[in-house]
C-alpha cells in the first residue's frame, strides 16, 4: 500500500515521528506540494494525507488505487468529496484536536487588543520608560473584559471552549450557530443582534458556500465603535475590503485575525495595512500538543479504515 503525504511539513516540521504511519505501507513524504505537482505525486497512492493541498477530482481519477484520503485538519473543503464518493474513496478528517489551542490563541489575540502588551513592551525596549516623567504609562487605552458582551459565531467544540473562557472572565456570552444548541454559559441570539450588541465578536464557524464573506459592510455597519472582531476560523468568512474600510473609518476599535482569504497573503491585502489590525500566520492550531493529537487521530483513522470500520468519515 502506497501512502503519500503531500504537505508533511505542516503537521510535522521535525518534532514528531511518522514511524507509526510508515508501518502501514510504503510511505512517501513530500514536505510541500504545489498545485501543479499534486496529480503526478498522488498517481500511485492508495492513501493520501493532506492538510491544505487540494485533492481535486482530476487527482482522484488519476489515482486508480486510491482508497482513502486523510485530511490532517478539521475542515475538508480542500477535497472534492463528491468525486471521492463517486469513486468509492473514503475521506476522513480530524474533528477534535485543537479546541484548547485555538481557544487559547483567540484570547491571546483579544488580550493583545485590550491590554496592548506587545505595544507597551516594544515601547519599554525603545527606552520610553527610561525617559518617562511618570512611574507608569500606556501607549494606548486598556480595556477590562469583565461585564462586556462576548459574541460567538459558531458554537462547536472550539466555540464552546471559547465560551467557557469568556465566562470565566466575567463576560456576558451570547452566540449564533447554524445548529441552535443549548449551552451552560452562552445564550442564543440572532446574528444581527450579536453583531449590534457584542463588545467582542469571535468567529468559530466552518466555511460553507452559504456563509462566504458574511461579515461584510451590512453587519460591520451595525457594530459598536468600541467593538473588537476576532477570526480564528477561515479568512473567507470576512469581506476583507469591507473590514479594512470599517477599520480605516473607526467603525470598530480593532480586529485580530489568524486567517486570511488567501494564504500566504498577497501584499495587496488591505488588512495588512489597516489600523488596529493584528494578523498572525494561521498558527492558532499549531501547538505541539495539538499536532501530537492530530497525528494520533490520523493514525487511528487509517487503522479503523483498514479494519473495515472507518471513523471520522466525511465522505465514503
C-alpha atoms as a PDB file:
ATOM      1  CA  UNK A   1       0.000   0.000   0.000  1.00  0.00           C
ATOM      2  CA  UNK A   2       1.384   3.376  -1.049  1.00  0.00           C
ATOM      3  CA  UNK A   3       0.853   6.211   1.415  1.00  0.00           C
ATOM      4  CA  UNK A   4       1.583   9.692   0.099  1.00  0.00           C
ATOM      5  CA  UNK A   5       1.855  12.704   2.399  1.00  0.00           C
ATOM      6  CA  UNK A   6       1.659  15.808   0.246  1.00  0.00           C
ATOM      7  CA  UNK A   7       2.455  18.542   2.798  1.00  0.00           C
ATOM      8  CA  UNK A   8       4.222  16.853   5.671  1.00  0.00           C
ATOM      9  CA  UNK A   9       5.985  19.963   6.951  1.00  0.00           C
ATOM     10  CA  UNK A  10       2.690  21.500   8.067  1.00  0.00           C
ATOM     11  CA  UNK A  11       1.852  18.774  10.574  1.00  0.00           C
ATOM     12  CA  UNK A  12       5.378  17.663  11.337  1.00  0.00           C
ATOM     13  CA  UNK A  13       8.148  20.221  10.850  1.00  0.00           C
ATOM     14  CA  UNK A  14      10.544  17.791  12.519  1.00  0.00           C
ATOM     15  CA  UNK A  15       9.386  17.453  16.112  1.00  0.00           C
ATOM     16  CA  UNK A  16       7.064  14.447  15.588  1.00  0.00           C
ATOM     17  CA  UNK A  17       7.539  10.994  14.038  1.00  0.00           C
ATOM     18  CA  UNK A  18       5.948   9.339  11.009  1.00  0.00           C
ATOM     19  CA  UNK A  19       7.148   5.892  12.151  1.00  0.00           C
ATOM     20  CA  UNK A  20       3.745   4.506  13.173  1.00  0.00           C
ATOM     21  CA  UNK A  21       2.143   5.508   9.877  1.00  0.00           C
ATOM     22  CA  UNK A  22       5.075   4.043   7.967  1.00  0.00           C
ATOM     23  CA  UNK A  23       4.196   0.621   9.385  1.00  0.00           C
ATOM     24  CA  UNK A  24       1.069   0.548   7.206  1.00  0.00           C
ATOM     25  CA  UNK A  25       2.937   0.514   3.911  1.00  0.00           C
ATOM     26  CA  UNK A  26       5.318   2.267   1.569  1.00  0.00           C
ATOM     27  CA  UNK A  27       5.438   5.848   2.848  1.00  0.00           C
ATOM     28  CA  UNK A  28       6.464   8.816   0.715  1.00  0.00           C
ATOM     29  CA  UNK A  29       6.630  12.216   2.392  1.00  0.00           C
ATOM     30  CA  UNK A  30       6.656  15.461   0.466  1.00  0.00           C
ATOM     31  CA  UNK A  31       7.288  18.430   2.723  1.00  0.00           C
ATOM     32  CA  UNK A  32       5.376  20.728   0.361  1.00  0.00           C
ATOM     33  CA  UNK A  33       3.436  20.193  -2.855  1.00  0.00           C
ATOM     34  CA  UNK A  34       2.273  22.859  -5.282  1.00  0.00           C
ATOM     35  CA  UNK A  35      -0.995  22.501  -7.167  1.00  0.00           C
ATOM     36  CA  UNK A  36       0.666  21.521 -10.435  1.00  0.00           C
ATOM     37  CA  UNK A  37       2.581  18.693  -8.729  1.00  0.00           C
ATOM     38  CA  UNK A  38      -0.283  17.048  -6.875  1.00  0.00           C
ATOM     39  CA  UNK A  39      -1.670  14.794  -9.593  1.00  0.00           C
ATOM     40  CA  UNK A  40       1.682  13.236 -10.529  1.00  0.00           C
ATOM     41  CA  UNK A  41       2.763  12.785  -6.927  1.00  0.00           C
ATOM     42  CA  UNK A  42      -0.505  11.072  -5.982  1.00  0.00           C
ATOM     43  CA  UNK A  43      -0.936   8.919  -9.076  1.00  0.00           C
ATOM     44  CA  UNK A  44       0.255   5.709  -7.347  1.00  0.00           C
ATOM     45  CA  UNK A  45      -1.311   6.476  -3.950  1.00  0.00           C
ATOM     46  CA  UNK A  46      -3.565   4.113  -2.032  1.00  0.00           C
ATOM     47  CA  UNK A  47      -3.794   6.605   0.837  1.00  0.00           C
ATOM     48  CA  UNK A  48      -3.269  10.362   0.646  1.00  0.00           C
ATOM     49  CA  UNK A  49      -2.610  12.563   3.671  1.00  0.00           C
ATOM     50  CA  UNK A  50      -3.165  16.282   3.130  1.00  0.00           C
ATOM     51  CA  UNK A  51      -3.533  19.300   5.332  1.00  0.00           C
ATOM     52  CA  UNK A  52      -4.112  22.165   2.906  1.00  0.00           C
ATOM     53  CA  UNK A  53      -3.113  20.804  -0.523  1.00  0.00           C
ATOM     54  CA  UNK A  54      -6.318  20.490  -2.607  1.00  0.00           C
ATOM     55  CA  UNK A  55      -7.212  16.980  -3.741  1.00  0.00           C
ATOM     56  CA  UNK A  56      -9.286  17.583  -6.860  1.00  0.00           C
ATOM     57  CA  UNK A  57     -11.454  15.353  -8.990  1.00  0.00           C
ATOM     58  CA  UNK A  58      -8.630  15.029 -11.527  1.00  0.00           C
ATOM     59  CA  UNK A  59      -6.238  13.785  -8.854  1.00  0.00           C
ATOM     60  CA  UNK A  60      -8.812  11.319  -7.525  1.00  0.00           C
ATOM     61  CA  UNK A  61      -9.482   9.954 -11.026  1.00  0.00           C
ATOM     62  CA  UNK A  62      -5.771   9.673 -11.809  1.00  0.00           C
ATOM     63  CA  UNK A  63      -5.028   7.701  -8.624  1.00  0.00           C
ATOM     64  CA  UNK A  64      -6.503   4.380  -9.728  1.00  0.00           C
ATOM     65  CA  UNK A  65      -5.659   2.567  -6.486  1.00  0.00           C
ATOM     66  CA  UNK A  66      -6.778   5.375  -4.167  1.00  0.00           C
ATOM     67  CA  UNK A  67      -8.918   4.139  -1.282  1.00  0.00           C
ATOM     68  CA  UNK A  68      -8.559   6.719   1.482  1.00  0.00           C
ATOM     69  CA  UNK A  69      -7.905  10.449   1.842  1.00  0.00           C
ATOM     70  CA  UNK A  70      -6.960  11.587   5.337  1.00  0.00           C
ATOM     71  CA  UNK A  71      -7.301  15.305   5.924  1.00  0.00           C
ATOM     72  CA  UNK A  72      -4.962  16.241   8.759  1.00  0.00           C
ATOM     73  CA  UNK A  73      -7.299  19.052   9.791  1.00  0.00           C
ATOM     74  CA  UNK A  74     -10.942  19.553  10.682  1.00  0.00           C
ATOM     75  CA  UNK A  75     -12.003  21.483   7.580  1.00  0.00           C
ATOM     76  CA  UNK A  76     -12.214  19.265   4.494  1.00  0.00           C
ATOM     77  CA  UNK A  77     -13.265  21.773   1.815  1.00  0.00           C
ATOM     78  CA  UNK A  78      -9.927  21.159   0.070  1.00  0.00           C
ATOM     79  CA  UNK A  79     -11.141  17.705  -1.032  1.00  0.00           C
ATOM     80  CA  UNK A  80     -13.662  17.131  -3.797  1.00  0.00           C
ATOM     81  CA  UNK A  81     -15.813  14.922  -1.594  1.00  0.00           C
ATOM     82  CA  UNK A  82     -18.380  14.338  -4.342  1.00  0.00           C
ATOM     83  CA  UNK A  83     -15.716  12.932  -6.656  1.00  0.00           C
ATOM     84  CA  UNK A  84     -14.360  10.832  -3.792  1.00  0.00           C
ATOM     85  CA  UNK A  85     -17.786   9.389  -3.063  1.00  0.00           C
ATOM     86  CA  UNK A  86     -18.448   8.637  -6.733  1.00  0.00           C
ATOM     87  CA  UNK A  87     -15.149   6.733  -6.933  1.00  0.00           C
ATOM     88  CA  UNK A  88     -15.519   4.793  -3.648  1.00  0.00           C
ATOM     89  CA  UNK A  89     -12.804   6.763  -1.903  1.00  0.00           C
ATOM     90  CA  UNK A  90     -13.328   7.365   1.812  1.00  0.00           C
ATOM     91  CA  UNK A  91     -12.466  10.793   3.206  1.00  0.00           C
ATOM     92  CA  UNK A  92     -11.698  11.204   6.912  1.00  0.00           C
ATOM     93  CA  UNK A  93     -10.822  14.301   8.910  1.00  0.00           C
ATOM     94  CA  UNK A  94      -9.636  15.099  12.429  1.00  0.00           C
ATOM     95  CA  UNK A  95     -12.647  16.707  14.086  1.00  0.00           C
ATOM     96  CA  UNK A  96     -11.337  17.491  17.546  1.00  0.00           C
ATOM     97  CA  UNK A  97      -7.649  18.000  18.150  1.00  0.00           C
ATOM     98  CA  UNK A  98      -7.044  21.709  18.726  1.00  0.00           C
ATOM     99  CA  UNK A  99     -10.018  23.249  20.519  1.00  0.00           C
ATOM    100  CA  UNK A 100      -7.937  24.198  23.543  1.00  0.00           C
ATOM    101  CA  UNK A 101      -5.110  25.619  21.438  1.00  0.00           C
ATOM    102  CA  UNK A 102      -7.379  27.654  19.158  1.00  0.00           C
ATOM    103  CA  UNK A 103      -9.374  28.966  22.113  1.00  0.00           C
ATOM    104  CA  UNK A 104      -6.146  29.951  23.846  1.00  0.00           C
ATOM    105  CA  UNK A 105      -4.963  31.786  20.728  1.00  0.00           C
ATOM    106  CA  UNK A 106      -8.327  33.531  20.479  1.00  0.00           C
ATOM    107  CA  UNK A 107      -7.747  35.062  23.887  1.00  0.00           C
ATOM    108  CA  UNK A 108      -4.104  35.791  23.142  1.00  0.00           C
ATOM    109  CA  UNK A 109      -5.353  37.925  20.249  1.00  0.00           C
ATOM    110  CA  UNK A 110      -8.093  39.513  22.341  1.00  0.00           C
ATOM    111  CA  UNK A 111      -5.758  40.344  25.206  1.00  0.00           C
ATOM    112  CA  UNK A 112      -3.300  41.956  22.820  1.00  0.00           C
ATOM    113  CA  UNK A 113      -6.154  44.150  21.593  1.00  0.00           C
ATOM    114  CA  UNK A 114      -7.307  45.026  25.113  1.00  0.00           C
ATOM    115  CA  UNK A 115      -4.025  45.136  27.067  1.00  0.00           C
ATOM    116  CA  UNK A 116      -1.533  46.078  24.349  1.00  0.00           C
ATOM    117  CA  UNK A 117       1.229  44.020  25.953  1.00  0.00           C
ATOM    118  CA  UNK A 118       3.298  43.858  22.770  1.00  0.00           C
ATOM    119  CA  UNK A 119       2.969  47.573  22.050  1.00  0.00           C
ATOM    120  CA  UNK A 120       3.950  48.595  25.583  1.00  0.00           C
ATOM    121  CA  UNK A 121       6.799  46.088  25.713  1.00  0.00           C
ATOM    122  CA  UNK A 122       8.208  47.493  22.476  1.00  0.00           C
ATOM    123  CA  UNK A 123       7.936  50.969  23.976  1.00  0.00           C
ATOM    124  CA  UNK A 124       9.967  49.926  27.018  1.00  0.00           C
ATOM    125  CA  UNK A 125      12.614  48.323  24.801  1.00  0.00           C
ATOM    126  CA  UNK A 126      12.797  51.560  22.827  1.00  0.00           C
ATOM    127  CA  UNK A 127      13.711  53.418  26.041  1.00  0.00           C
ATOM    128  CA  UNK A 128      10.417  55.268  26.500  1.00  0.00           C
ATOM    129  CA  UNK A 129      10.039  54.216  30.163  1.00  0.00           C
ATOM    130  CA  UNK A 130      13.574  55.327  30.990  1.00  0.00           C
ATOM    131  CA  UNK A 131      12.750  58.767  29.626  1.00  0.00           C
ATOM    132  CA  UNK A 132       9.285  58.967  31.188  1.00  0.00           C
ATOM    133  CA  UNK A 133       8.457  61.616  33.775  1.00  0.00           C
ATOM    134  CA  UNK A 134       5.914  59.246  35.343  1.00  0.00           C
ATOM    135  CA  UNK A 135       6.250  55.861  37.011  1.00  0.00           C
ATOM    136  CA  UNK A 136       3.648  54.369  34.689  1.00  0.00           C
ATOM    137  CA  UNK A 137       2.106  54.968  31.271  1.00  0.00           C
ATOM    138  CA  UNK A 138       0.386  53.163  28.412  1.00  0.00           C
ATOM    139  CA  UNK A 139       0.725  53.725  24.692  1.00  0.00           C
ATOM    140  CA  UNK A 140      -2.986  53.024  24.116  1.00  0.00           C
ATOM    141  CA  UNK A 141      -6.147  52.766  26.185  1.00  0.00           C
ATOM    142  CA  UNK A 142      -6.609  49.477  28.029  1.00  0.00           C
ATOM    143  CA  UNK A 143      -9.922  47.646  28.290  1.00  0.00           C
ATOM    144  CA  UNK A 144     -11.324  45.480  31.078  1.00  0.00           C
ATOM    145  CA  UNK A 145     -13.271  42.442  29.860  1.00  0.00           C
ATOM    146  CA  UNK A 146     -15.445  41.819  32.903  1.00  0.00           C
ATOM    147  CA  UNK A 147     -19.033  42.783  32.221  1.00  0.00           C
ATOM    148  CA  UNK A 148     -18.549  43.085  28.464  1.00  0.00           C
ATOM    149  CA  UNK A 149     -20.568  41.041  25.952  1.00  0.00           C
ATOM    150  CA  UNK A 150     -18.727  38.316  24.055  1.00  0.00           C
ATOM    151  CA  UNK A 151     -20.472  37.169  20.858  1.00  0.00           C
ATOM    152  CA  UNK A 152     -19.537  33.821  19.341  1.00  0.00           C
ATOM    153  CA  UNK A 153     -20.449  32.820  15.789  1.00  0.00           C
ATOM    154  CA  UNK A 154     -20.385  29.010  15.673  1.00  0.00           C
ATOM    155  CA  UNK A 155     -20.756  27.104  18.933  1.00  0.00           C
ATOM    156  CA  UNK A 156     -18.973  23.895  18.059  1.00  0.00           C
ATOM    157  CA  UNK A 157     -16.249  22.416  20.221  1.00  0.00           C
ATOM    158  CA  UNK A 158     -13.925  25.394  19.775  1.00  0.00           C
ATOM    159  CA  UNK A 159     -16.731  27.900  20.230  1.00  0.00           C
ATOM    160  CA  UNK A 160     -17.912  26.177  23.420  1.00  0.00           C
ATOM    161  CA  UNK A 161     -14.368  26.186  24.764  1.00  0.00           C
ATOM    162  CA  UNK A 162     -14.096  29.906  23.998  1.00  0.00           C
ATOM    163  CA  UNK A 163     -17.463  30.494  25.684  1.00  0.00           C
ATOM    164  CA  UNK A 164     -16.263  28.902  28.918  1.00  0.00           C
ATOM    165  CA  UNK A 165     -13.140  31.064  28.969  1.00  0.00           C
ATOM    166  CA  UNK A 166     -15.145  34.214  28.277  1.00  0.00           C
ATOM    167  CA  UNK A 167     -17.494  33.258  31.094  1.00  0.00           C
ATOM    168  CA  UNK A 168     -14.509  32.838  33.413  1.00  0.00           C
ATOM    169  CA  UNK A 169     -13.512  36.428  32.582  1.00  0.00           C
ATOM    170  CA  UNK A 170     -16.931  37.506  33.855  1.00  0.00           C
ATOM    171  CA  UNK A 171     -18.287  38.308  30.398  1.00  0.00           C
ATOM    172  CA  UNK A 172     -21.857  38.006  29.163  1.00  0.00           C
ATOM    173  CA  UNK A 173     -21.625  35.316  26.483  1.00  0.00           C
ATOM    174  CA  UNK A 174     -24.034  35.150  23.530  1.00  0.00           C
ATOM    175  CA  UNK A 175     -23.860  33.058  20.385  1.00  0.00           C
ATOM    176  CA  UNK A 176     -25.313  32.348  16.986  1.00  0.00           C
ATOM    177  CA  UNK A 177     -24.891  28.966  15.356  1.00  0.00           C
ATOM    178  CA  UNK A 178     -26.338  27.039  12.437  1.00  0.00           C
ATOM    179  CA  UNK A 179     -27.413  24.431  14.964  1.00  0.00           C
ATOM    180  CA  UNK A 180     -29.397  26.033  17.752  1.00  0.00           C
ATOM    181  CA  UNK A 181     -27.976  24.129  20.672  1.00  0.00           C
ATOM    182  CA  UNK A 182     -28.020  24.537  24.441  1.00  0.00           C
ATOM    183  CA  UNK A 183     -25.068  25.921  26.346  1.00  0.00           C
ATOM    184  CA  UNK A 184     -24.470  26.205  30.053  1.00  0.00           C
ATOM    185  CA  UNK A 185     -22.713  29.563  29.667  1.00  0.00           C
ATOM    186  CA  UNK A 186     -23.988  31.154  26.424  1.00  0.00           C
ATOM    187  CA  UNK A 187     -27.343  32.456  25.228  1.00  0.00           C
ATOM    188  CA  UNK A 188     -28.579  32.142  21.653  1.00  0.00           C
ATOM    189  CA  UNK A 189     -29.343  35.360  19.734  1.00  0.00           C
ATOM    190  CA  UNK A 190     -29.966  36.229  16.094  1.00  0.00           C
ATOM    191  CA  UNK A 191     -26.927  37.181  14.017  1.00  0.00           C
ATOM    192  CA  UNK A 192     -27.902  40.834  13.645  1.00  0.00           C
ATOM    193  CA  UNK A 193     -28.359  41.118  17.401  1.00  0.00           C
ATOM    194  CA  UNK A 194     -24.987  39.522  18.035  1.00  0.00           C
ATOM    195  CA  UNK A 195     -23.142  41.987  15.827  1.00  0.00           C
ATOM    196  CA  UNK A 196     -25.050  45.001  17.116  1.00  0.00           C
ATOM    197  CA  UNK A 197     -24.670  44.263  20.835  1.00  0.00           C
ATOM    198  CA  UNK A 198     -21.320  42.487  21.261  1.00  0.00           C
ATOM    199  CA  UNK A 199     -18.205  44.154  22.592  1.00  0.00           C
ATOM    200  CA  UNK A 200     -16.177  41.235  21.216  1.00  0.00           C
ATOM    201  CA  UNK A 201     -17.214  39.201  18.160  1.00  0.00           C
ATOM    202  CA  UNK A 202     -15.329  35.941  17.606  1.00  0.00           C
ATOM    203  CA  UNK A 203     -15.766  33.654  14.586  1.00  0.00           C
ATOM    204  CA  UNK A 204     -15.641  29.874  15.101  1.00  0.00           C
ATOM    205  CA  UNK A 205     -17.886  28.549  12.329  1.00  0.00           C
ATOM    206  CA  UNK A 206     -16.896  26.375   9.362  1.00  0.00           C
ATOM    207  CA  UNK A 207     -16.709  27.904   5.894  1.00  0.00           C
ATOM    208  CA  UNK A 208     -19.614  26.877   3.665  1.00  0.00           C
ATOM    209  CA  UNK A 209     -20.937  28.006   0.302  1.00  0.00           C
ATOM    210  CA  UNK A 210     -23.654  29.917   2.152  1.00  0.00           C
ATOM    211  CA  UNK A 211     -21.564  31.978   4.587  1.00  0.00           C
ATOM    212  CA  UNK A 212     -18.613  33.159   2.487  1.00  0.00           C
ATOM    213  CA  UNK A 213     -17.926  36.841   3.257  1.00  0.00           C
ATOM    214  CA  UNK A 214     -20.978  37.061   5.507  1.00  0.00           C
ATOM    215  CA  UNK A 215     -19.033  39.532   7.655  1.00  0.00           C
ATOM    216  CA  UNK A 216     -19.495  42.393   5.249  1.00  0.00           C
ATOM    217  CA  UNK A 217     -20.461  46.041   5.167  1.00  0.00           C
ATOM    218  CA  UNK A 218     -24.041  45.392   6.267  1.00  0.00           C
ATOM    219  CA  UNK A 219     -23.041  43.684   9.503  1.00  0.00           C
ATOM    220  CA  UNK A 220     -19.992  45.862  10.106  1.00  0.00           C
ATOM    221  CA  UNK A 221     -22.113  48.983   9.858  1.00  0.00           C
ATOM    222  CA  UNK A 222     -24.071  47.738  12.881  1.00  0.00           C
ATOM    223  CA  UNK A 223     -21.187  47.066  15.282  1.00  0.00           C
ATOM    224  CA  UNK A 224     -20.240  49.277  18.184  1.00  0.00           C
ATOM    225  CA  UNK A 225     -17.367  51.652  17.517  1.00  0.00           C
ATOM    226  CA  UNK A 226     -15.739  50.172  20.639  1.00  0.00           C
ATOM    227  CA  UNK A 227     -16.070  46.547  19.477  1.00  0.00           C
ATOM    228  CA  UNK A 228     -13.331  44.070  18.568  1.00  0.00           C
ATOM    229  CA  UNK A 229     -13.574  41.397  15.852  1.00  0.00           C
ATOM    230  CA  UNK A 230     -11.572  38.166  16.085  1.00  0.00           C
ATOM    231  CA  UNK A 231     -11.295  35.443  13.442  1.00  0.00           C
ATOM    232  CA  UNK A 232      -9.516  32.145  14.073  1.00  0.00           C
ATOM    233  CA  UNK A 233     -11.816  30.178  11.742  1.00  0.00           C
ATOM    234  CA  UNK A 234     -11.496  30.834   7.981  1.00  0.00           C
ATOM    235  CA  UNK A 235     -10.432  34.022   6.250  1.00  0.00           C
ATOM    236  CA  UNK A 236     -13.099  33.706   3.564  1.00  0.00           C
ATOM    237  CA  UNK A 237     -15.796  34.378   6.159  1.00  0.00           C
ATOM    238  CA  UNK A 238     -14.894  38.077   6.011  1.00  0.00           C
ATOM    239  CA  UNK A 239     -15.151  40.562   3.159  1.00  0.00           C
ATOM    240  CA  UNK A 240     -11.641  41.858   3.724  1.00  0.00           C
ATOM    241  CA  UNK A 241     -12.101  45.100   1.788  1.00  0.00           C
ATOM    242  CA  UNK A 242     -15.189  45.913   3.867  1.00  0.00           C
ATOM    243  CA  UNK A 243     -13.373  45.158   7.131  1.00  0.00           C
ATOM    244  CA  UNK A 244     -10.404  47.307   6.099  1.00  0.00           C
ATOM    245  CA  UNK A 245     -12.783  50.156   5.287  1.00  0.00           C
ATOM    246  CA  UNK A 246     -14.500  49.783   8.669  1.00  0.00           C
ATOM    247  CA  UNK A 247     -11.150  49.897  10.468  1.00  0.00           C
ATOM    248  CA  UNK A 248      -9.985  52.901   8.470  1.00  0.00           C
ATOM    249  CA  UNK A 249     -13.245  54.690   9.304  1.00  0.00           C
ATOM    250  CA  UNK A 250     -13.083  53.799  13.026  1.00  0.00           C
ATOM    251  CA  UNK A 251     -16.328  51.848  12.804  1.00  0.00           C
ATOM    252  CA  UNK A 252     -14.854  49.320  15.220  1.00  0.00           C
ATOM    253  CA  UNK A 253     -11.953  49.580  17.603  1.00  0.00           C
ATOM    254  CA  UNK A 254      -9.836  46.746  16.304  1.00  0.00           C
ATOM    255  CA  UNK A 255      -9.568  43.344  14.676  1.00  0.00           C
ATOM    256  CA  UNK A 256      -7.327  40.342  15.267  1.00  0.00           C
ATOM    257  CA  UNK A 257      -7.088  37.656  12.604  1.00  0.00           C
ATOM    258  CA  UNK A 258      -5.259  34.337  12.453  1.00  0.00           C
ATOM    259  CA  UNK A 259      -6.611  33.598   8.976  1.00  0.00           C
ATOM    260  CA  UNK A 260      -6.920  35.462   5.682  1.00  0.00           C
ATOM    261  CA  UNK A 261      -8.771  34.711   2.450  1.00  0.00           C
ATOM    262  CA  UNK A 262      -5.543  33.822   0.603  1.00  0.00           C
ATOM    263  CA  UNK A 263      -2.650  32.193   2.472  1.00  0.00           C
ATOM    264  CA  UNK A 264       0.113  33.210   2.273  1.00  0.00           C
ATOM    265  CA  UNK A 265      -1.485  36.620   1.692  1.00  0.00           C
ATOM    266  CA  UNK A 266      -0.823  38.853  -1.240  1.00  0.00           C
ATOM    267  CA  UNK A 267       0.957  42.112  -0.474  1.00  0.00           C
ATOM    268  CA  UNK A 268      -2.128  43.929  -1.720  1.00  0.00           C
ATOM    269  CA  UNK A 269      -4.363  42.553   1.048  1.00  0.00           C
ATOM    270  CA  UNK A 270      -5.787  45.717   2.659  1.00  0.00           C
ATOM    271  CA  UNK A 271      -5.847  44.185   6.141  1.00  0.00           C
ATOM    272  CA  UNK A 272      -2.044  44.039   6.227  1.00  0.00           C
ATOM    273  CA  UNK A 273      -2.052  47.848   6.309  1.00  0.00           C
ATOM    274  CA  UNK A 274      -5.288  48.534   8.172  1.00  0.00           C
ATOM    275  CA  UNK A 275      -5.057  50.369  11.513  1.00  0.00           C
ATOM    276  CA  UNK A 276      -5.618  48.473  14.750  1.00  0.00           C
ATOM    277  CA  UNK A 277      -5.460  45.143  12.940  1.00  0.00           C
ATOM    278  CA  UNK A 278      -3.383  42.275  14.314  1.00  0.00           C
ATOM    279  CA  UNK A 279      -2.599  39.389  11.952  1.00  0.00           C
ATOM    280  CA  UNK A 280      -0.946  36.106  12.907  1.00  0.00           C
ATOM    281  CA  UNK A 281       0.044  33.492  10.274  1.00  0.00           C
ATOM    282  CA  UNK A 282      -2.670  30.824  10.736  1.00  0.00           C
ATOM    283  CA  UNK A 283      -0.859  29.246  13.659  1.00  0.00           C
ATOM    284  CA  UNK A 284      -3.570  29.052  16.326  1.00  0.00           C
ATOM    285  CA  UNK A 285      -3.766  25.271  15.824  1.00  0.00           C
ATOM    286  CA  UNK A 286      -0.035  24.613  15.760  1.00  0.00           C
ATOM    287  CA  UNK A 287       0.861  23.864  19.378  1.00  0.00           C
ATOM    288  CA  UNK A 288       2.926  20.712  19.820  1.00  0.00           C
ATOM    289  CA  UNK A 289       0.141  19.219  21.907  1.00  0.00           C
ATOM    290  CA  UNK A 290      -2.493  19.822  19.214  1.00  0.00           C
ATOM    291  CA  UNK A 291      -0.293  18.465  16.429  1.00  0.00           C
ATOM    292  CA  UNK A 292       0.515  15.389  18.507  1.00  0.00           C
ATOM    293  CA  UNK A 293      -3.210  14.715  18.920  1.00  0.00           C
ATOM    294  CA  UNK A 294      -3.716  15.244  15.195  1.00  0.00           C
ATOM    295  CA  UNK A 295      -1.016  12.687  14.386  1.00  0.00           C
ATOM    296  CA  UNK A 296      -2.547  10.183  16.815  1.00  0.00           C
ATOM    297  CA  UNK A 297      -6.087  10.625  15.436  1.00  0.00           C
ATOM    298  CA  UNK A 298      -4.867  10.350  11.842  1.00  0.00           C
ATOM    299  CA  UNK A 299      -3.147   7.108  12.751  1.00  0.00           C
ATOM    300  CA  UNK A 300      -6.401   5.809  14.237  1.00  0.00           C
ATOM    301  CA  UNK A 301      -8.300   6.913  11.121  1.00  0.00           C
ATOM    302  CA  UNK A 302      -6.031   4.738   8.968  1.00  0.00           C
ATOM    303  CA  UNK A 303      -6.229   1.795  11.386  1.00  0.00           C
ATOM    304  CA  UNK A 304     -10.008   1.970  11.526  1.00  0.00           C
ATOM    305  CA  UNK A 305     -10.333   2.163   7.747  1.00  0.00           C
ATOM    306  CA  UNK A 306      -8.081  -0.860   7.217  1.00  0.00           C
ATOM    307  CA  UNK A 307     -10.084  -2.806   9.797  1.00  0.00           C
ATOM    308  CA  UNK A 308     -13.253  -2.110   7.795  1.00  0.00           C
ATOM    309  CA  UNK A 309     -14.739   0.195  10.425  1.00  0.00           C
ATOM    310  CA  UNK A 310     -13.766   3.715   9.328  1.00  0.00           C
ATOM    311  CA  UNK A 311     -14.246   6.629  11.732  1.00  0.00           C
ATOM    312  CA  UNK A 312     -14.388  10.403  11.312  1.00  0.00           C
ATOM    313  CA  UNK A 313     -15.768   9.875   7.822  1.00  0.00           C
ATOM    314  CA  UNK A 314     -16.931  12.932   5.889  1.00  0.00           C
ATOM    315  CA  UNK A 315     -17.418  11.056   2.591  1.00  0.00           C
ATOM    316  CA  UNK A 316     -17.406   7.447   1.510  1.00  0.00           C
END
